[in-house]
C-alpha atoms as a PDB file:
ATOM      1  CA  UNK A   1      -0.077   0.015  -0.129  1.00  0.00           C
ATOM      2  CA  UNK A   2       1.274   3.465  -0.826  1.00  0.00           C
ATOM      3  CA  UNK A   3       0.955   6.384   1.366  1.00  0.00           C
ATOM      4  CA  UNK A   4       1.515   9.956  -0.028  1.00  0.00           C
ATOM      5  CA  UNK A   5       2.129  12.899   1.573  1.00  0.00           C
ATOM      6  CA  UNK A   6      -0.382  15.675   1.187  1.00  0.00           C
ATOM      7  CA  UNK A   7       1.250  18.849   0.357  1.00  0.00           C
ATOM      8  CA  UNK A   8      -1.251  21.061  -0.921  1.00  0.00           C
ATOM      9  CA  UNK A   9      -5.142  21.528  -1.159  1.00  0.00           C
ATOM     10  CA  UNK A  10      -6.526  23.505  -3.881  1.00  0.00           C
ATOM     11  CA  UNK A  11     -10.311  24.796  -3.353  1.00  0.00           C
ATOM     12  CA  UNK A  12     -11.657  26.023  -6.735  1.00  0.00           C
ATOM     13  CA  UNK A  13     -15.320  27.825  -6.477  1.00  0.00           C
ATOM     14  CA  UNK A  14     -17.227  27.595  -9.904  1.00  0.00           C
ATOM     15  CA  UNK A  15     -20.343  29.179 -10.783  1.00  0.00           C
ATOM     16  CA  UNK A  16     -22.204  28.445 -13.997  1.00  0.00           C
ATOM     17  CA  UNK A  17     -25.429  28.619 -15.784  1.00  0.00           C
ATOM     18  CA  UNK A  18     -27.851  26.095 -17.428  1.00  0.00           C
ATOM     19  CA  UNK A  19     -27.961  26.854 -21.217  1.00  0.00           C
ATOM     20  CA  UNK A  20     -31.026  24.452 -21.758  1.00  0.00           C
ATOM     21  CA  UNK A  21     -33.298  22.564 -19.451  1.00  0.00           C
ATOM     22  CA  UNK A  22     -31.427  20.301 -17.428  1.00  0.00           C
ATOM     23  CA  UNK A  23     -32.605  16.928 -15.781  1.00  0.00           C
ATOM     24  CA  UNK A  24     -30.738  14.380 -13.979  1.00  0.00           C
ATOM     25  CA  UNK A  25     -32.655  11.707 -12.511  1.00  0.00           C
ATOM     26  CA  UNK A  26     -32.722   9.722  -9.374  1.00  0.00           C
ATOM     27  CA  UNK A  27     -34.306   6.761 -11.234  1.00  0.00           C
ATOM     28  CA  UNK A  28     -37.684   5.650 -10.972  1.00  0.00           C
ATOM     29  CA  UNK A  29     -39.963   8.071  -8.591  1.00  0.00           C
ATOM     30  CA  UNK A  30     -42.306   6.774  -5.728  1.00  0.00           C
ATOM     31  CA  UNK A  31     -45.695   5.372  -6.432  1.00  0.00           C
ATOM     32  CA  UNK A  32     -47.117   8.674  -5.021  1.00  0.00           C
ATOM     33  CA  UNK A  33     -45.112  10.918  -7.250  1.00  0.00           C
ATOM     34  CA  UNK A  34     -47.114  13.089  -9.859  1.00  0.00           C
ATOM     35  CA  UNK A  35     -43.974  12.958 -12.374  1.00  0.00           C
ATOM     36  CA  UNK A  36     -42.629   9.796 -14.038  1.00  0.00           C
ATOM     37  CA  UNK A  37     -39.174  10.629 -13.154  1.00  0.00           C
ATOM     38  CA  UNK A  38     -38.092  13.406 -10.830  1.00  0.00           C
ATOM     39  CA  UNK A  39     -34.868  15.153 -10.528  1.00  0.00           C
ATOM     40  CA  UNK A  40     -32.236  14.641  -7.741  1.00  0.00           C
ATOM     41  CA  UNK A  41     -33.207  16.739  -4.567  1.00  0.00           C
ATOM     42  CA  UNK A  42     -31.411  17.129  -1.267  1.00  0.00           C
ATOM     43  CA  UNK A  43     -33.774  18.679   1.311  1.00  0.00           C
ATOM     44  CA  UNK A  44     -36.008  19.637  -1.473  1.00  0.00           C
ATOM     45  CA  UNK A  45     -33.570  21.538  -3.411  1.00  0.00           C
ATOM     46  CA  UNK A  46     -32.512  20.315  -7.087  1.00  0.00           C
ATOM     47  CA  UNK A  47     -28.845  19.442  -7.137  1.00  0.00           C
ATOM     48  CA  UNK A  48     -26.422  18.408  -9.561  1.00  0.00           C
ATOM     49  CA  UNK A  49     -24.555  15.451  -8.076  1.00  0.00           C
ATOM     50  CA  UNK A  50     -20.840  15.808  -7.701  1.00  0.00           C
ATOM     51  CA  UNK A  51     -20.441  12.281  -9.265  1.00  0.00           C
ATOM     52  CA  UNK A  52     -22.000  13.612 -12.322  1.00  0.00           C
ATOM     53  CA  UNK A  53     -19.867  16.718 -12.799  1.00  0.00           C
ATOM     54  CA  UNK A  54     -16.858  14.738 -12.014  1.00  0.00           C
ATOM     55  CA  UNK A  55     -17.829  12.194 -15.045  1.00  0.00           C
ATOM     56  CA  UNK A  56     -18.586  14.909 -17.261  1.00  0.00           C
ATOM     57  CA  UNK A  57     -15.366  16.621 -16.819  1.00  0.00           C
ATOM     58  CA  UNK A  58     -13.552  13.507 -16.761  1.00  0.00           C
ATOM     59  CA  UNK A  59     -14.913  12.438 -20.248  1.00  0.00           C
ATOM     60  CA  UNK A  60     -13.963  15.865 -21.472  1.00  0.00           C
ATOM     61  CA  UNK A  61     -10.489  15.798 -20.218  1.00  0.00           C
ATOM     62  CA  UNK A  62      -9.986  12.262 -21.846  1.00  0.00           C
ATOM     63  CA  UNK A  63     -11.298  13.479 -25.244  1.00  0.00           C
ATOM     64  CA  UNK A  64      -8.982  16.644 -25.093  1.00  0.00           C
ATOM     65  CA  UNK A  65      -6.134  14.580 -24.092  1.00  0.00           C
ATOM     66  CA  UNK A  66      -6.469  12.022 -26.392  1.00  0.00           C
ATOM     67  CA  UNK A  67      -7.132  14.329 -29.528  1.00  0.00           C
ATOM     68  CA  UNK A  68      -3.636  16.178 -28.179  1.00  0.00           C
ATOM     69  CA  UNK A  69      -1.650  12.594 -28.613  1.00  0.00           C
ATOM     70  CA  UNK A  70      -1.504  11.981 -25.030  1.00  0.00           C
ATOM     71  CA  UNK A  71      -2.233   8.449 -24.012  1.00  0.00           C
ATOM     72  CA  UNK A  72      -5.056   7.838 -21.820  1.00  0.00           C
ATOM     73  CA  UNK A  73      -7.042   4.451 -20.934  1.00  0.00           C
ATOM     74  CA  UNK A  74     -10.401   3.500 -21.305  1.00  0.00           C
ATOM     75  CA  UNK A  75     -11.986   2.973 -18.104  1.00  0.00           C
ATOM     76  CA  UNK A  76     -13.101  -0.493 -17.168  1.00  0.00           C
ATOM     77  CA  UNK A  77     -16.535   0.453 -16.231  1.00  0.00           C
ATOM     78  CA  UNK A  78     -17.062   2.227 -19.728  1.00  0.00           C
ATOM     79  CA  UNK A  79     -16.394  -1.070 -21.695  1.00  0.00           C
ATOM     80  CA  UNK A  80     -19.462  -2.885 -22.568  1.00  0.00           C
ATOM     81  CA  UNK A  81     -19.914  -6.407 -21.065  1.00  0.00           C
ATOM     82  CA  UNK A  82     -20.871  -7.928 -24.622  1.00  0.00           C
ATOM     83  CA  UNK A  83     -17.266  -6.604 -25.759  1.00  0.00           C
ATOM     84  CA  UNK A  84     -15.501  -7.919 -22.665  1.00  0.00           C
ATOM     85  CA  UNK A  85     -17.106 -11.186 -23.382  1.00  0.00           C
ATOM     86  CA  UNK A  86     -16.669 -11.300 -27.166  1.00  0.00           C
ATOM     87  CA  UNK A  87     -13.469  -9.609 -27.638  1.00  0.00           C
ATOM     88  CA  UNK A  88     -10.077  -9.012 -25.933  1.00  0.00           C
ATOM     89  CA  UNK A  89     -10.310  -5.675 -23.999  1.00  0.00           C
ATOM     90  CA  UNK A  90      -6.865  -4.780 -25.184  1.00  0.00           C
ATOM     91  CA  UNK A  91      -7.911  -5.040 -28.571  1.00  0.00           C
ATOM     92  CA  UNK A  92     -10.964  -3.020 -27.916  1.00  0.00           C
ATOM     93  CA  UNK A  93      -8.802  -0.293 -26.294  1.00  0.00           C
ATOM     94  CA  UNK A  94      -6.607  -0.458 -29.347  1.00  0.00           C
ATOM     95  CA  UNK A  95      -9.499  -0.095 -31.921  1.00  0.00           C
ATOM     96  CA  UNK A  96     -10.520   3.150 -29.787  1.00  0.00           C
ATOM     97  CA  UNK A  97      -6.943   4.642 -29.909  1.00  0.00           C
ATOM     98  CA  UNK A  98      -6.907   4.396 -26.272  1.00  0.00           C
ATOM     99  CA  UNK A  99      -4.603   2.273 -23.513  1.00  0.00           C
ATOM    100  CA  UNK A 100      -6.165  -0.502 -21.690  1.00  0.00           C
ATOM    101  CA  UNK A 101      -7.736   0.250 -18.421  1.00  0.00           C
ATOM    102  CA  UNK A 102      -5.108   1.718 -15.879  1.00  0.00           C
ATOM    103  CA  UNK A 103      -3.716  -1.051 -13.538  1.00  0.00           C
ATOM    104  CA  UNK A 104      -2.029   0.477 -10.150  1.00  0.00           C
ATOM    105  CA  UNK A 105      -0.505  -2.831  -9.403  1.00  0.00           C
ATOM    106  CA  UNK A 106       1.472  -2.753 -12.585  1.00  0.00           C
ATOM    107  CA  UNK A 107       2.416   0.921 -12.258  1.00  0.00           C
ATOM    108  CA  UNK A 108       0.371   1.578 -15.458  1.00  0.00           C
ATOM    109  CA  UNK A 109      -1.494   4.800 -14.619  1.00  0.00           C
ATOM    110  CA  UNK A 110      -2.742   7.574 -17.271  1.00  0.00           C
ATOM    111  CA  UNK A 111      -2.849  11.218 -16.372  1.00  0.00           C
ATOM    112  CA  UNK A 112      -6.601  11.090 -16.199  1.00  0.00           C
ATOM    113  CA  UNK A 113      -6.900   8.325 -13.847  1.00  0.00           C
ATOM    114  CA  UNK A 114      -4.118   9.807 -11.593  1.00  0.00           C
ATOM    115  CA  UNK A 115      -6.619  12.863 -11.191  1.00  0.00           C
ATOM    116  CA  UNK A 116     -10.108  11.140 -11.253  1.00  0.00           C
ATOM    117  CA  UNK A 117      -9.130   7.632 -10.156  1.00  0.00           C
ATOM    118  CA  UNK A 118      -9.747   3.935 -11.617  1.00  0.00           C
ATOM    119  CA  UNK A 119     -11.337   1.031 -10.448  1.00  0.00           C
ATOM    120  CA  UNK A 120      -8.120   0.168  -8.101  1.00  0.00           C
ATOM    121  CA  UNK A 121      -7.010   3.560  -7.620  1.00  0.00           C
ATOM    122  CA  UNK A 122      -8.388   6.698  -5.560  1.00  0.00           C
ATOM    123  CA  UNK A 123      -8.540  10.050  -7.517  1.00  0.00           C
ATOM    124  CA  UNK A 124      -7.043  13.203  -6.355  1.00  0.00           C
ATOM    125  CA  UNK A 125      -9.864  15.329  -7.051  1.00  0.00           C
ATOM    126  CA  UNK A 126     -13.175  15.666  -4.951  1.00  0.00           C
ATOM    127  CA  UNK A 127     -16.486  17.002  -6.350  1.00  0.00           C
ATOM    128  CA  UNK A 128     -19.266  18.166  -4.172  1.00  0.00           C
ATOM    129  CA  UNK A 129     -22.902  18.645  -5.417  1.00  0.00           C
ATOM    130  CA  UNK A 130     -23.645  21.842  -7.000  1.00  0.00           C
ATOM    131  CA  UNK A 131     -26.714  23.726  -5.591  1.00  0.00           C
ATOM    132  CA  UNK A 132     -28.797  26.647  -7.018  1.00  0.00           C
ATOM    133  CA  UNK A 133     -27.910  30.162  -6.120  1.00  0.00           C
ATOM    134  CA  UNK A 134     -31.751  30.974  -5.336  1.00  0.00           C
ATOM    135  CA  UNK A 135     -34.890  29.145  -4.738  1.00  0.00           C
ATOM    136  CA  UNK A 136     -35.849  27.350  -8.059  1.00  0.00           C
ATOM    137  CA  UNK A 137     -39.075  25.599  -8.830  1.00  0.00           C
ATOM    138  CA  UNK A 138     -38.760  22.627 -11.236  1.00  0.00           C
ATOM    139  CA  UNK A 139     -40.460  22.609 -14.387  1.00  0.00           C
ATOM    140  CA  UNK A 140     -42.648  19.773 -15.730  1.00  0.00           C
ATOM    141  CA  UNK A 141     -42.037  18.563 -19.247  1.00  0.00           C
ATOM    142  CA  UNK A 142     -44.046  16.366 -21.468  1.00  0.00           C
ATOM    143  CA  UNK A 143     -42.421  13.582 -23.742  1.00  0.00           C
ATOM    144  CA  UNK A 144     -43.544  10.781 -25.832  1.00  0.00           C
ATOM    145  CA  UNK A 145     -41.099   7.816 -26.951  1.00  0.00           C
ATOM    146  CA  UNK A 146     -40.741   7.704 -30.971  1.00  0.00           C
ATOM    147  CA  UNK A 147     -40.826   4.029 -32.343  1.00  0.00           C
ATOM    148  CA  UNK A 148     -37.605   3.919 -34.621  1.00  0.00           C
ATOM    149  CA  UNK A 149     -39.572   1.519 -37.365  1.00  0.00           C
ATOM    150  CA  UNK A 150     -42.562   3.461 -37.845  1.00  0.00           C
ATOM    151  CA  UNK A 151     -41.443   7.087 -36.719  1.00  0.00           C
ATOM    152  CA  UNK A 152     -44.797   7.496 -34.764  1.00  0.00           C
ATOM    153  CA  UNK A 153     -45.473   7.752 -31.162  1.00  0.00           C
ATOM    154  CA  UNK A 154     -45.103   4.554 -29.189  1.00  0.00           C
ATOM    155  CA  UNK A 155     -48.206   3.533 -27.717  1.00  0.00           C
ATOM    156  CA  UNK A 156     -48.507   4.380 -23.975  1.00  0.00           C
ATOM    157  CA  UNK A 157     -45.302   6.312 -24.135  1.00  0.00           C
ATOM    158  CA  UNK A 158     -46.399   9.943 -22.895  1.00  0.00           C
ATOM    159  CA  UNK A 159     -44.579  10.555 -19.621  1.00  0.00           C
ATOM    160  CA  UNK A 160     -44.023  13.761 -17.604  1.00  0.00           C
ATOM    161  CA  UNK A 161     -40.445  14.431 -16.386  1.00  0.00           C
ATOM    162  CA  UNK A 162     -39.224  17.104 -13.890  1.00  0.00           C
ATOM    163  CA  UNK A 163     -36.326  19.396 -15.091  1.00  0.00           C
ATOM    164  CA  UNK A 164     -34.637  22.847 -14.043  1.00  0.00           C
ATOM    165  CA  UNK A 165     -35.474  25.550 -16.316  1.00  0.00           C
ATOM    166  CA  UNK A 166     -32.443  27.278 -18.667  1.00  0.00           C
ATOM    167  CA  UNK A 167     -30.656  30.106 -17.393  1.00  0.00           C
ATOM    168  CA  UNK A 168     -30.761  28.819 -13.685  1.00  0.00           C
ATOM    169  CA  UNK A 169     -27.371  29.829 -11.786  1.00  0.00           C
ATOM    170  CA  UNK A 170     -25.604  26.954 -10.011  1.00  0.00           C
ATOM    171  CA  UNK A 171     -22.597  27.020  -7.913  1.00  0.00           C
ATOM    172  CA  UNK A 172     -20.166  24.528  -7.453  1.00  0.00           C
ATOM    173  CA  UNK A 173     -19.132  24.914  -3.860  1.00  0.00           C
ATOM    174  CA  UNK A 174     -15.245  23.170  -4.186  1.00  0.00           C
ATOM    175  CA  UNK A 175     -13.303  21.185  -6.293  1.00  0.00           C
ATOM    176  CA  UNK A 176     -10.690  20.032  -3.703  1.00  0.00           C
ATOM    177  CA  UNK A 177      -7.656  18.628  -5.501  1.00  0.00           C
ATOM    178  CA  UNK A 178      -5.239  16.803  -3.289  1.00  0.00           C
END
């Protein structure tokens, strides 16, 4: 087991605005809910989970570094099960222009996994939930599913979803990089 000395903690406060409706759902809603899928709330306040922010930022950084010629891995969790069963993981990663998943035991850790972590490695960045700057009331959006074969509405597919309206200000309390 490796123990590193903590030398620096950097806290970054971020503010951003939603450019369109935002809906990060908590899964199936309770039976008594008036909407089919409600957004994630803490204390009744719609939040953007830190894990969602971390995943989105990780994906962007992976793409930027990969396009810039930096070798980055494909995370184990993003390899589809059927690919793992059918093909060699190294071959799949090579086809995507990536390294196979990082392995801390072998000492193979790409820069993205050093910051965000991997299956066998703790990351250095911690992301807290983002909260709205003021009290907001979620909006309800009605959607229908479209059948791919007929391009018509699928029977019984009318659903109501909760979302946060565009131009909502959120603040991301701290990005802690250790």
